[in-house]
Amino acid sequence: MKLYPLQFTPLYKYRIWGGEKLKTELNKQYKEKNIGESWEISDVSDNETVVAEGALKGQSLRDLIKEFKDDFVGNAVYEKFGEEFPLLIKFIDAKTPLSIQVHPSNEVAKERHNSFGKNEMWYVMQADKDAELIVGFDEEINTDDYKIHLENNTILNVMHHENVKKGDAFYIPTGRIHAIGAGVLLAEIQQTSNITYRIYDYDRIDSKTGEKRELHTEIATDVLDYKVHHNYKTNYNLEKNTSNKLIHSPYFKTNILDINSTIDKDYSEIDSFVIYMCVEGSVDVISEGDIFALNIGETLLIPAALSNFALKSNYAKVLEVFF
């Protein structure tokens, strides 16, 4: 069977902090309330997305890797991860703030949870007036200080708060304390992991359970990075009709394309699958004469065996993700 560019059926996730922007801004179709996340491409256990259309409809990432191996993910990725897909791709809508949280490293996650760690990045697609992201510390503290702040409910006072706008990008390495603030819609790219250590949750009650959500303050203590950084936001250039480096890490690489023409792409040198996330406008992805229309809030996976494409748009911004 022949590989082709693949869209997957999203998984919509209820969250205590979820709103309606996945519907109103990204045209997602669902009936539930408080949907906070759209999992676009996932290999998380019991949360596997499946191909939406074409001859491979209904196949999961694990199915595809098992059948196509390095033709699907690339030789280097296949050698490193086998039949596991290394990335989880989401859109997130925070109507109210997420919990203050931190993610464990690969080593800790493997030992404690038999999982990958969770290095991730955010790209802001829309932000209400005065909306903010909370990333890292603004003051030098140690473990003892941290525990005192938790006991006094003052942990927010020593964290870095940054007002954000469309186009802002942040890298969140494991160990960095963080939270998405109210009124932010963003694209999230992360390692395949569902491990989060929740540190502080505003003492709120989940209407579905009638209870407060579990906190993980003790096991979070030894994974936190207390170092203060001068700047947490990623600065980048944005030239038209080319791949601009956004965030490159050992766990994924992300570029951004600002398209108002037709551009040709050749991926024969990267030895990886490629994922397109449309974060503004719409774009046609043209492969071997076939056209795959991608609108804002939609995601397309390009198997590694396919290398030459054209991207055509009058107006689009697209995140280009690969390993």
Protein backbone atom coordinates (compact mmCIF):
# COMPACT_ATOMS: atom_id res chain seq x y z
CA MET A 1 0.00 0.00 0.00
CA LYS A 2 1.23 3.47 -0.87
CA LEU A 3 1.94 6.18 1.69
CA TYR A 4 0.45 9.66 1.30
CA PRO A 5 0.14 12.83 3.45
CA LEU A 6 -2.05 11.91 6.41
CA GLN A 7 -4.62 13.72 8.51
CA PHE A 8 -5.75 12.11 11.75
CA THR A 9 -9.09 12.31 13.55
CA PRO A 10 -8.51 14.53 16.60
CA LEU A 11 -9.25 13.40 20.15
CA TYR A 12 -11.08 16.08 22.15
CA LYS A 13 -10.23 16.27 25.85
CA TYR A 14 -12.41 17.64 28.65
CA ARG A 15 -10.45 19.92 30.94
CA ILE A 16 -11.62 21.82 34.01
CA TRP A 17 -10.11 24.95 32.41
CA GLY A 18 -11.33 24.35 28.82
CA GLY A 19 -13.42 26.82 26.80
CA GLU A 20 -14.97 27.15 23.33
CA LYS A 21 -12.13 28.54 21.19
CA LEU A 22 -11.30 25.20 19.61
CA LYS A 23 -14.76 25.56 18.06
CA THR A 24 -14.97 29.30 17.50
CA GLU A 25 -11.38 29.96 16.39
CA LEU A 26 -10.30 26.60 14.91
CA ASN A 27 -13.64 25.23 13.66
CA LYS A 28 -13.41 21.97 15.59
CA GLN A 29 -16.59 19.90 15.64
CA TYR A 30 -17.75 18.46 18.98
CA LYS A 31 -20.71 18.77 21.35
CA GLU A 32 -19.10 18.43 24.78
CA LYS A 33 -18.48 21.36 27.13
CA ASN A 34 -15.10 22.50 28.50
CA ILE A 35 -12.99 20.92 25.78
CA GLY A 36 -9.49 22.21 26.49
CA GLU A 37 -7.32 20.11 24.18
CA SER A 38 -7.47 18.72 20.65
CA TRP A 39 -4.96 15.90 20.35
CA GLU A 40 -4.12 16.01 16.65
CA ILE A 41 -1.45 13.31 16.43
CA SER A 42 -1.03 10.96 19.39
CA ASP A 43 0.59 7.63 20.18
CA VAL A 44 -0.15 7.89 23.92
CA SER A 45 -1.42 4.53 25.20
CA ASP A 46 -5.24 4.29 24.98
CA ASN A 47 -5.25 7.70 23.25
CA GLU A 48 -4.06 6.80 19.77
CA THR A 49 -5.29 8.95 16.90
CA VAL A 50 -6.21 7.19 13.65
CA VAL A 51 -6.00 8.22 10.01
CA ALA A 52 -9.08 10.17 8.95
CA GLU A 53 -9.20 9.55 5.18
CA GLY A 54 -7.89 7.51 2.28
CA ALA A 55 -6.69 3.94 1.89
CA LEU A 56 -5.10 3.95 5.36
CA LYS A 57 -8.21 5.25 7.14
CA GLY A 58 -8.53 3.88 10.68
CA GLN A 59 -4.83 3.01 11.03
CA SER A 60 -3.03 4.22 14.16
CA LEU A 61 0.53 5.55 14.27
CA ARG A 62 1.69 2.25 15.74
CA ASP A 63 -0.03 0.36 12.89
CA LEU A 64 1.66 2.59 10.32
CA ILE A 65 5.13 2.27 11.83
CA LYS A 66 4.72 -1.49 12.10
CA GLU A 67 3.81 -1.72 8.41
CA PHE A 68 6.03 0.93 6.84
CA LYS A 69 8.89 1.21 9.39
CA ASP A 70 11.52 3.79 8.37
CA ASP A 71 9.53 4.73 5.26
CA PHE A 72 7.03 6.25 7.64
CA VAL A 73 9.20 7.89 10.35
CA GLY A 74 12.72 7.95 8.87
CA ASN A 75 15.64 5.61 9.47
CA ALA A 76 17.16 7.50 12.43
CA VAL A 77 13.79 7.83 14.16
CA TYR A 78 12.97 4.16 13.61
CA GLU A 79 16.35 3.06 14.97
CA LYS A 80 15.88 5.17 18.09
CA PHE A 81 12.19 4.63 18.86
CA GLY A 82 11.17 1.46 17.05
CA GLU A 83 7.38 1.30 16.75
CA GLU A 84 6.79 4.19 19.18
CA PHE A 85 6.00 7.60 17.68
CA PRO A 86 8.06 10.25 19.49
CA LEU A 87 5.79 13.33 19.34
CA LEU A 88 2.38 14.41 20.61
CA ILE A 89 0.75 17.31 18.73
CA LYS A 90 -2.04 19.41 20.31
CA PHE A 91 -4.06 22.57 20.19
CA ILE A 92 -4.92 23.95 23.65
CA ASP A 93 -7.62 26.45 24.74
CA ALA A 94 -7.34 27.78 28.29
CA LYS A 95 -10.50 29.62 29.34
CA THR A 96 -9.18 29.69 32.90
CA PRO A 97 -5.57 29.08 34.02
CA LEU A 98 -3.98 25.67 33.93
CA SER A 99 -2.44 24.34 37.12
CA ILE A 100 1.11 25.33 38.02
CA GLN A 101 3.05 22.28 36.90
CA VAL A 102 6.34 20.72 35.90
CA HIS A 103 7.36 17.73 33.78
CA PRO A 104 10.03 15.14 34.63
CA SER A 105 13.10 14.42 32.51
CA ASN A 106 13.47 11.36 30.30
CA GLU A 107 15.50 9.62 32.99
CA VAL A 108 13.06 10.29 35.82
CA ALA A 109 10.00 9.55 33.68
CA LYS A 110 11.51 6.25 32.54
CA GLU A 111 12.34 5.20 36.11
CA ARG A 112 9.05 6.29 37.73
CA HIS A 113 6.50 5.87 34.94
CA ASN A 114 8.16 3.87 32.14
CA SER A 115 7.49 6.87 29.90
CA PHE A 116 9.30 9.50 27.90
CA GLY A 117 9.89 12.81 29.62
CA LYS A 118 7.96 15.84 28.44
CA ASN A 119 9.97 18.58 26.78
CA GLU A 120 7.52 20.82 24.94
CA MET A 121 6.97 24.12 23.17
CA TRP A 122 4.12 26.59 22.78
CA TYR A 123 3.15 28.79 19.86
CA VAL A 124 0.47 31.36 20.73
CA MET A 125 -2.32 31.47 18.13
CA GLN A 126 -4.66 33.89 19.91
CA ALA A 127 -4.59 35.70 23.24
CA ASP A 128 -7.18 37.84 24.98
CA LYS A 129 -6.23 41.27 26.27
CA ASP A 130 -3.78 40.96 29.20
CA ALA A 131 -3.56 37.16 28.79
CA GLU A 132 -0.33 35.68 30.07
CA LEU A 133 1.87 32.63 30.22
CA ILE A 134 3.66 31.75 33.44
CA VAL A 135 7.10 30.30 32.77
CA GLY A 136 10.02 29.76 35.15
CA PHE A 137 11.06 31.71 38.22
CA ASP A 138 11.66 35.45 38.54
CA GLU A 139 13.43 35.12 41.90
CA GLU A 140 16.23 32.89 43.09
CA ILE A 141 14.76 30.29 45.46
CA ASN A 142 15.75 26.86 46.72
CA THR A 143 13.81 23.75 47.74
CA ASP A 144 13.11 25.08 51.25
CA ASP A 145 11.81 28.40 49.86
CA TYR A 146 9.68 26.52 47.35
CA LYS A 147 8.02 24.47 50.08
CA ILE A 148 7.29 27.58 52.14
CA HIS A 149 5.70 29.28 49.13
CA LEU A 150 3.51 26.22 48.55
CA GLU A 151 2.39 26.17 52.18
CA ASN A 152 1.54 29.88 52.00
CA ASN A 153 -0.09 29.70 48.54
CA THR A 154 2.41 32.29 47.29
CA ILE A 155 4.23 30.27 44.62
CA LEU A 156 2.81 32.55 41.90
CA ASN A 157 4.60 35.51 43.50
CA VAL A 158 8.05 34.16 42.57
CA MET A 159 7.16 32.95 39.07
CA HIS A 160 7.71 34.80 35.79
CA HIS A 161 4.48 36.17 34.30
CA GLU A 162 4.57 37.36 30.68
CA ASN A 163 1.77 39.00 28.74
CA VAL A 164 1.54 37.32 25.34
CA LYS A 165 0.21 37.93 21.85
CA LYS A 166 -0.27 35.95 18.67
CA GLY A 167 3.02 34.64 17.36
CA ASP A 168 4.86 34.38 20.68
CA ALA A 169 6.77 31.13 21.19
CA PHE A 170 8.21 29.45 24.28
CA TYR A 171 10.30 26.34 24.85
CA ILE A 172 9.48 24.48 28.06
CA PRO A 173 12.25 22.01 28.92
CA THR A 174 11.64 19.39 31.59
CA GLY A 175 12.13 20.81 35.05
CA ARG A 176 10.83 24.30 34.19
CA ILE A 177 7.79 25.30 36.23
CA HIS A 178 5.01 26.69 34.04
CA ALA A 179 1.31 27.28 33.37
CA ILE A 180 -0.88 28.55 30.54
CA GLY A 181 -2.91 31.54 31.70
CA ALA A 182 -6.56 32.31 31.03
CA GLY A 183 -7.53 33.46 27.54
CA VAL A 184 -4.72 31.79 25.58
CA LEU A 185 -5.14 29.54 22.53
CA LEU A 186 -1.94 27.82 21.43
CA ALA A 187 -0.31 25.00 19.50
CA GLU A 188 1.73 22.60 21.63
CA ILE A 189 4.43 20.26 20.38
CA GLN A 190 5.83 17.79 22.90
CA GLN A 191 7.37 14.41 23.44
CA THR A 192 4.92 11.52 23.56
CA SER A 193 4.14 11.62 27.27
CA ASN A 194 1.13 12.21 29.47
CA ILE A 195 3.14 12.75 32.68
CA THR A 196 2.48 16.03 34.47
CA TYR A 197 3.30 16.92 38.07
CA ARG A 198 0.62 19.32 39.26
CA ILE A 199 2.02 21.69 41.91
CA TYR A 200 -0.74 24.23 42.59
CA ASP A 201 -4.33 24.34 41.32
CA TYR A 202 -5.96 27.43 42.89
CA ASP A 203 -7.97 25.22 45.31
CA ARG A 204 -10.62 24.83 42.61
CA ILE A 205 -13.21 22.06 42.40
CA ASP A 206 -13.69 19.96 39.26
CA SER A 207 -17.41 20.13 38.44
CA LYS A 208 -17.30 16.62 36.97
CA THR A 209 -15.96 14.97 40.12
CA GLY A 210 -16.97 17.49 42.79
CA GLU A 211 -13.44 17.27 44.18
CA LYS A 212 -10.12 19.08 44.00
CA ARG A 213 -7.63 17.62 41.54
CA GLU A 214 -4.68 15.62 42.81
CA LEU A 215 -1.46 17.51 43.48
CA HIS A 216 2.04 16.05 43.08
CA THR A 217 4.00 18.54 45.13
CA GLU A 218 6.39 16.06 46.73
CA ILE A 219 7.51 14.21 43.61
CA ALA A 220 7.78 17.55 41.78
CA THR A 221 10.32 18.86 44.27
CA ASP A 222 13.33 16.93 43.00
CA VAL A 223 12.70 17.59 39.30
CA LEU A 224 12.34 21.38 39.48
CA ASP A 225 14.95 23.64 37.91
CA TYR A 226 15.18 26.73 40.16
CA LYS A 227 17.50 28.68 37.86
CA VAL A 228 16.31 32.16 36.89
CA HIS A 229 16.67 33.07 33.20
CA HIS A 230 16.86 36.55 31.70
CA ASN A 231 14.40 35.72 28.92
CA TYR A 232 11.95 32.83 28.60
CA LYS A 233 10.39 33.76 25.26
CA THR A 234 11.98 32.59 22.00
CA ASN A 235 13.02 35.30 19.56
CA TYR A 236 12.91 34.43 15.86
CA ASN A 237 13.01 35.94 12.38
CA LEU A 238 10.02 35.72 10.06
CA GLU A 239 10.92 35.98 6.38
CA LYS A 240 8.25 35.32 3.78
CA ASN A 241 8.03 32.00 1.93
CA THR A 242 10.87 30.17 3.63
CA SER A 243 11.44 27.97 6.67
CA ASN A 244 12.41 30.18 9.61
CA LYS A 245 14.03 28.45 12.58
CA LEU A 246 11.69 28.66 15.56
CA ILE A 247 12.70 26.13 18.23
CA HIS A 248 15.22 23.34 17.68
CA SER A 249 15.85 20.90 20.52
CA PRO A 250 17.15 17.31 20.84
CA TYR A 251 13.50 16.17 21.03
CA PHE A 252 11.96 17.96 18.03
CA LYS A 253 12.67 20.77 15.60
CA THR A 254 10.10 23.40 14.67
CA ASN A 255 10.28 26.01 11.93
CA ILE A 256 7.66 28.55 10.93
CA LEU A 257 6.63 29.46 7.39
CA ASP A 258 4.84 32.71 6.51
CA ILE A 259 3.40 31.94 3.08
CA ASN A 260 1.83 34.21 0.46
CA SER A 261 3.00 32.45 -2.69
CA THR A 262 3.97 28.96 -3.91
CA ILE A 263 7.09 27.43 -2.41
CA ASP A 264 8.81 24.13 -3.14
CA LYS A 265 10.02 21.90 -0.30
CA ASP A 266 12.55 19.06 -0.51
CA TYR A 267 12.87 16.92 2.63
CA SER A 268 15.19 14.25 1.21
CA GLU A 269 18.03 15.29 3.54
CA ILE A 270 16.32 15.28 6.93
CA ASP A 271 15.56 11.54 7.42
CA SER A 272 12.33 12.22 9.33
CA PHE A 273 8.59 12.53 9.01
CA VAL A 274 7.35 16.14 8.81
CA ILE A 275 4.24 17.57 10.47
CA TYR A 276 2.49 20.72 9.28
CA MET A 277 0.32 22.64 11.75
CA CYS A 278 -1.65 25.46 10.16
CA VAL A 279 -1.78 28.27 12.72
CA GLU A 280 -3.15 31.05 10.46
CA GLY A 281 -5.03 31.16 7.18
CA SER A 282 -5.06 28.15 4.86
CA VAL A 283 -2.59 26.39 2.59
CA ASP A 284 -2.66 23.75 -0.15
CA VAL A 285 -0.06 21.02 0.20
CA ILE A 286 0.61 19.59 -3.26
CA SER A 287 2.13 16.11 -3.54
CA GLU A 288 2.48 14.19 -6.82
CA GLY A 289 -0.42 16.14 -8.30
CA ASP A 290 -2.72 15.60 -5.32
CA ILE A 291 -3.84 18.61 -3.30
CA PHE A 292 -4.33 18.42 0.47
CA ALA A 293 -6.11 21.53 1.81
CA LEU A 294 -5.02 22.57 5.28
CA ASN A 295 -6.99 25.22 7.20
CA ILE A 296 -6.23 26.94 10.48
CA GLY A 297 -6.35 24.39 13.31
CA GLU A 298 -5.61 21.44 11.01
CA THR A 299 -2.56 19.17 10.98
CA LEU A 300 -0.94 17.04 8.28
CA LEU A 301 1.74 14.36 8.65
CA ILE A 302 4.16 13.81 5.77
CA PRO A 303 5.72 10.30 5.87
CA ALA A 304 9.51 10.21 5.55
CA ALA A 305 9.41 8.39 2.21
CA LEU A 306 7.74 11.40 0.59
CA SER A 307 10.20 14.22 0.07
CA ASN A 308 9.05 16.76 -2.52
CA PHE A 309 6.10 19.11 -2.03
CA ALA A 310 4.73 22.47 -2.99
CA LEU A 311 2.96 24.73 -0.51
CA LYS A 312 0.58 27.24 -2.06
CA SER A 313 -1.28 30.01 -0.25
CA ASN A 314 -2.28 33.64 -0.43
CA TYR A 315 -2.06 33.83 3.36
CA ALA A 316 -0.93 31.21 5.84
CA LYS A 317 1.39 30.60 8.75
CA VAL A 318 2.45 26.99 9.18
CA LEU A 319 4.54 25.28 11.82
CA GLU A 320 6.91 22.73 10.26
CA VAL A 321 7.83 20.01 12.76
CA PHE A 322 10.29 17.14 12.37
CA PHE A 323 12.69 15.07 14.42
